[in-house]
Amino acid sequence: MTQKVLRVGTSAAVTIPKKSLKELGLKIGDEVNINIDRDKKTVLIKPVFGLSPETAKIAKLTLNFINKYRKDLEKLANS
């Protein structure tokens, strides 16, 4: 498949046809990893499924906080 590199503001973008998005299970706004192989001059785009490591860490910290302070948080919510 051949696609053009488009200007988007001061950046560049390559469009992905709707059919390809569907085949990959992607939708507008989803995150993808982009790997560049400079030797082979290739770009590999892979869908990101699940939480990123950063998001997973934040979720874990948030859950720990809620569990630790649950009673106080419930009091605040009911006041």
N, C-alpha and C. Protein backbone atom coordinates (compact mmCIF):
# COMPACT_ATOMS: atom_id res chain seq x y z
N MET A 1 0.85 -1.17 0.00
CA MET A 1 0.00 0.00 0.00
C MET A 1 0.90 1.23 0.00
N THR A 2 0.57 2.20 -0.80
CA THR A 2 1.34 3.44 -0.88
C THR A 2 0.48 4.58 -0.35
N GLN A 3 1.04 5.35 0.56
CA GLN A 3 0.37 6.50 1.13
C GLN A 3 1.31 7.70 1.05
N LYS A 4 0.75 8.89 1.05
CA LYS A 4 1.56 10.11 1.01
C LYS A 4 1.82 10.61 2.42
N VAL A 5 2.95 11.29 2.57
CA VAL A 5 3.25 12.00 3.81
C VAL A 5 2.59 13.37 3.68
N LEU A 6 1.74 13.69 4.65
CA LEU A 6 0.98 14.94 4.63
C LEU A 6 1.48 15.89 5.70
N ARG A 7 1.33 17.18 5.45
CA ARG A 7 1.67 18.19 6.45
C ARG A 7 0.47 18.38 7.37
N VAL A 8 0.74 18.36 8.68
CA VAL A 8 -0.28 18.62 9.69
C VAL A 8 0.32 19.64 10.64
N GLY A 9 0.00 20.90 10.42
CA GLY A 9 0.64 21.96 11.20
C GLY A 9 2.12 21.98 10.89
N THR A 10 2.94 21.85 11.93
CA THR A 10 4.40 21.80 11.72
C THR A 10 4.92 20.37 11.75
N SER A 11 4.00 19.41 11.79
CA SER A 11 4.37 17.99 11.81
C SER A 11 4.01 17.34 10.48
N ALA A 12 4.23 16.04 10.42
CA ALA A 12 3.86 15.26 9.24
C ALA A 12 3.01 14.08 9.68
N ALA A 13 2.20 13.58 8.77
CA ALA A 13 1.33 12.44 9.08
C ALA A 13 1.19 11.56 7.85
N VAL A 14 0.94 10.29 8.11
CA VAL A 14 0.63 9.34 7.06
C VAL A 14 -0.74 8.77 7.40
N THR A 15 -1.65 8.80 6.46
CA THR A 15 -2.99 8.30 6.73
C THR A 15 -3.02 6.77 6.66
N ILE A 16 -3.94 6.21 7.43
CA ILE A 16 -4.17 4.76 7.42
C ILE A 16 -5.60 4.56 6.93
N PRO A 17 -5.78 3.82 5.85
CA PRO A 17 -7.13 3.62 5.32
C PRO A 17 -8.06 2.99 6.35
N LYS A 18 -9.33 3.36 6.26
CA LYS A 18 -10.35 2.88 7.19
C LYS A 18 -10.37 1.35 7.28
N LYS A 19 -10.24 0.69 6.15
CA LYS A 19 -10.24 -0.78 6.12
C LYS A 19 -9.08 -1.34 6.95
N SER A 20 -7.92 -0.72 6.83
CA SER A 20 -6.75 -1.17 7.58
C SER A 20 -6.93 -0.93 9.07
N LEU A 21 -7.51 0.21 9.43
CA LEU A 21 -7.80 0.48 10.84
C LEU A 21 -8.69 -0.61 11.42
N LYS A 22 -9.72 -0.95 10.67
CA LYS A 22 -10.66 -1.98 11.13
C LYS A 22 -9.95 -3.32 11.29
N GLU A 23 -9.12 -3.68 10.33
CA GLU A 23 -8.39 -4.96 10.40
C GLU A 23 -7.47 -5.02 11.62
N LEU A 24 -6.91 -3.88 12.01
CA LEU A 24 -6.01 -3.81 13.16
C LEU A 24 -6.75 -3.61 14.48
N GLY A 25 -8.05 -3.36 14.39
CA GLY A 25 -8.82 -3.10 15.61
C GLY A 25 -8.53 -1.73 16.18
N LEU A 26 -8.17 -0.79 15.32
CA LEU A 26 -7.85 0.57 15.76
C LEU A 26 -8.98 1.53 15.43
N LYS A 27 -9.04 2.62 16.20
CA LYS A 27 -9.98 3.70 15.90
C LYS A 27 -9.26 5.02 16.12
N ILE A 28 -9.83 6.09 15.63
CA ILE A 28 -9.24 7.41 15.77
C ILE A 28 -9.01 7.69 17.26
N GLY A 29 -7.82 8.14 17.60
CA GLY A 29 -7.49 8.46 18.99
C GLY A 29 -6.72 7.36 19.71
N ASP A 30 -6.68 6.14 19.14
CA ASP A 30 -5.93 5.06 19.76
C ASP A 30 -4.43 5.36 19.71
N GLU A 31 -3.70 4.78 20.66
CA GLU A 31 -2.25 4.94 20.68
C GLU A 31 -1.57 3.84 19.87
N VAL A 32 -0.47 4.21 19.23
CA VAL A 32 0.35 3.24 18.49
C VAL A 32 1.82 3.49 18.85
N ASN A 33 2.60 2.43 18.78
CA ASN A 33 4.05 2.55 18.92
C ASN A 33 4.65 2.67 17.53
N ILE A 34 5.62 3.55 17.40
CA ILE A 34 6.29 3.74 16.12
C ILE A 34 7.76 3.39 16.31
N ASN A 35 8.23 2.41 15.55
CA ASN A 35 9.63 2.00 15.59
C ASN A 35 10.27 2.31 14.25
N ILE A 36 11.40 2.98 14.30
CA ILE A 36 12.11 3.36 13.08
C ILE A 36 13.41 2.57 12.99
N ASP A 37 13.61 1.92 11.86
CA ASP A 37 14.86 1.21 11.59
C ASP A 37 15.61 2.04 10.55
N ARG A 38 16.58 2.81 11.03
CA ARG A 38 17.31 3.72 10.13
C ARG A 38 18.13 2.96 9.09
N ASP A 39 18.66 1.80 9.47
CA ASP A 39 19.46 1.02 8.53
C ASP A 39 18.62 0.52 7.36
N LYS A 40 17.44 0.02 7.68
CA LYS A 40 16.56 -0.52 6.63
C LYS A 40 15.64 0.55 6.05
N LYS A 41 15.65 1.74 6.68
CA LYS A 41 14.78 2.85 6.27
C LYS A 41 13.31 2.41 6.25
N THR A 42 12.91 1.81 7.39
CA THR A 42 11.52 1.36 7.52
C THR A 42 10.91 1.94 8.79
N VAL A 43 9.60 2.04 8.77
CA VAL A 43 8.83 2.49 9.92
C VAL A 43 7.82 1.40 10.23
N LEU A 44 7.78 0.95 11.48
CA LEU A 44 6.83 -0.07 11.90
C LEU A 44 5.87 0.57 12.89
N ILE A 45 4.58 0.47 12.59
CA ILE A 45 3.54 1.02 13.45
C ILE A 45 2.78 -0.14 14.06
N LYS A 46 2.75 -0.20 15.41
CA LYS A 46 2.06 -1.30 16.09
C LYS A 46 1.04 -0.73 17.07
N PRO A 47 -0.16 -1.32 17.09
CA PRO A 47 -1.17 -0.88 18.05
C PRO A 47 -0.70 -1.11 19.49
N VAL A 48 -1.10 -0.22 20.38
CA VAL A 48 -0.84 -0.39 21.81
C VAL A 48 -2.14 -0.87 22.43
N PHE A 49 -2.12 -2.08 22.94
CA PHE A 49 -3.30 -2.62 23.59
C PHE A 49 -3.02 -2.70 25.08
N GLY A 50 -3.98 -2.32 25.87
CA GLY A 50 -3.79 -2.32 27.31
C GLY A 50 -3.19 -1.00 27.77
N LEU A 51 -2.77 -0.97 29.01
CA LEU A 51 -2.24 0.25 29.60
C LEU A 51 -0.76 0.39 29.32
N SER A 52 -0.34 1.63 29.09
CA SER A 52 1.09 1.90 28.98
C SER A 52 1.71 1.70 30.36
N PRO A 53 3.00 1.49 30.45
CA PRO A 53 3.64 1.33 31.77
C PRO A 53 3.38 2.52 32.69
N GLU A 54 3.39 3.73 32.13
CA GLU A 54 3.14 4.92 32.94
C GLU A 54 1.72 4.94 33.48
N THR A 55 0.76 4.62 32.62
CA THR A 55 -0.64 4.62 33.03
C THR A 55 -0.89 3.51 34.05
N ALA A 56 -0.29 2.36 33.86
CA ALA A 56 -0.44 1.26 34.81
C ALA A 56 0.10 1.65 36.18
N LYS A 57 1.23 2.36 36.20
CA LYS A 57 1.82 2.80 37.47
C LYS A 57 0.90 3.79 38.17
N ILE A 58 0.36 4.73 37.42
CA ILE A 58 -0.56 5.72 38.00
C ILE A 58 -1.81 5.03 38.53
N ALA A 59 -2.34 4.07 37.79
CA ALA A 59 -3.52 3.34 38.23
C ALA A 59 -3.24 2.59 39.53
N LYS A 60 -2.09 1.97 39.63
CA LYS A 60 -1.72 1.23 40.84
C LYS A 60 -1.58 2.17 42.03
N LEU A 61 -0.91 3.30 41.83
CA LEU A 61 -0.74 4.28 42.90
C LEU A 61 -2.09 4.83 43.36
N THR A 62 -2.96 5.09 42.40
CA THR A 62 -4.29 5.61 42.73
C THR A 62 -5.09 4.60 43.54
N LEU A 63 -5.06 3.36 43.11
CA LEU A 63 -5.78 2.31 43.83
C LEU A 63 -5.23 2.14 45.25
N ASN A 64 -3.92 2.17 45.40
CA ASN A 64 -3.31 2.08 46.73
C ASN A 64 -3.75 3.25 47.62
N PHE A 65 -3.79 4.45 47.05
CA PHE A 65 -4.22 5.64 47.79
C PHE A 65 -5.67 5.48 48.25
N ILE A 66 -6.53 5.05 47.33
CA ILE A 66 -7.95 4.88 47.66
C ILE A 66 -8.11 3.84 48.77
N ASN A 67 -7.41 2.73 48.64
CA ASN A 67 -7.53 1.69 49.66
C ASN A 67 -7.03 2.16 51.02
N LYS A 68 -5.95 2.92 51.03
CA LYS A 68 -5.37 3.40 52.28
C LYS A 68 -6.28 4.43 52.96
N TYR A 69 -6.90 5.30 52.18
CA TYR A 69 -7.69 6.40 52.74
C TYR A 69 -9.19 6.26 52.47
N ARG A 70 -9.66 5.04 52.23
CA ARG A 70 -11.06 4.82 51.87
C ARG A 70 -12.03 5.44 52.87
N LYS A 71 -11.83 5.19 54.16
CA LYS A 71 -12.76 5.71 55.17
C LYS A 71 -12.81 7.23 55.14
N ASP A 72 -11.65 7.86 55.06
CA ASP A 72 -11.61 9.32 55.01
C ASP A 72 -12.25 9.86 53.73
N LEU A 73 -12.01 9.19 52.63
CA LEU A 73 -12.60 9.63 51.36
C LEU A 73 -14.13 9.49 51.40
N GLU A 74 -14.61 8.42 52.01
CA GLU A 74 -16.06 8.24 52.14
C GLU A 74 -16.67 9.32 53.02
N LYS A 75 -15.97 9.68 54.11
CA LYS A 75 -16.46 10.76 54.98
C LYS A 75 -16.54 12.06 54.21
N LEU A 76 -15.51 12.35 53.42
CA LEU A 76 -15.51 13.57 52.62
C LEU A 76 -16.66 13.57 51.61
N ALA A 77 -16.89 12.43 51.01
CA ALA A 77 -17.95 12.33 50.00
C ALA A 77 -19.33 12.52 50.61
N ASN A 78 -19.49 12.11 51.86
CA ASN A 78 -20.79 12.19 52.52
C ASN A 78 -20.99 13.46 53.33
N SER A 79 -20.00 14.34 53.35
CA SER A 79 -20.16 15.57 54.16
C SER A 79 -20.73 16.71 53.36
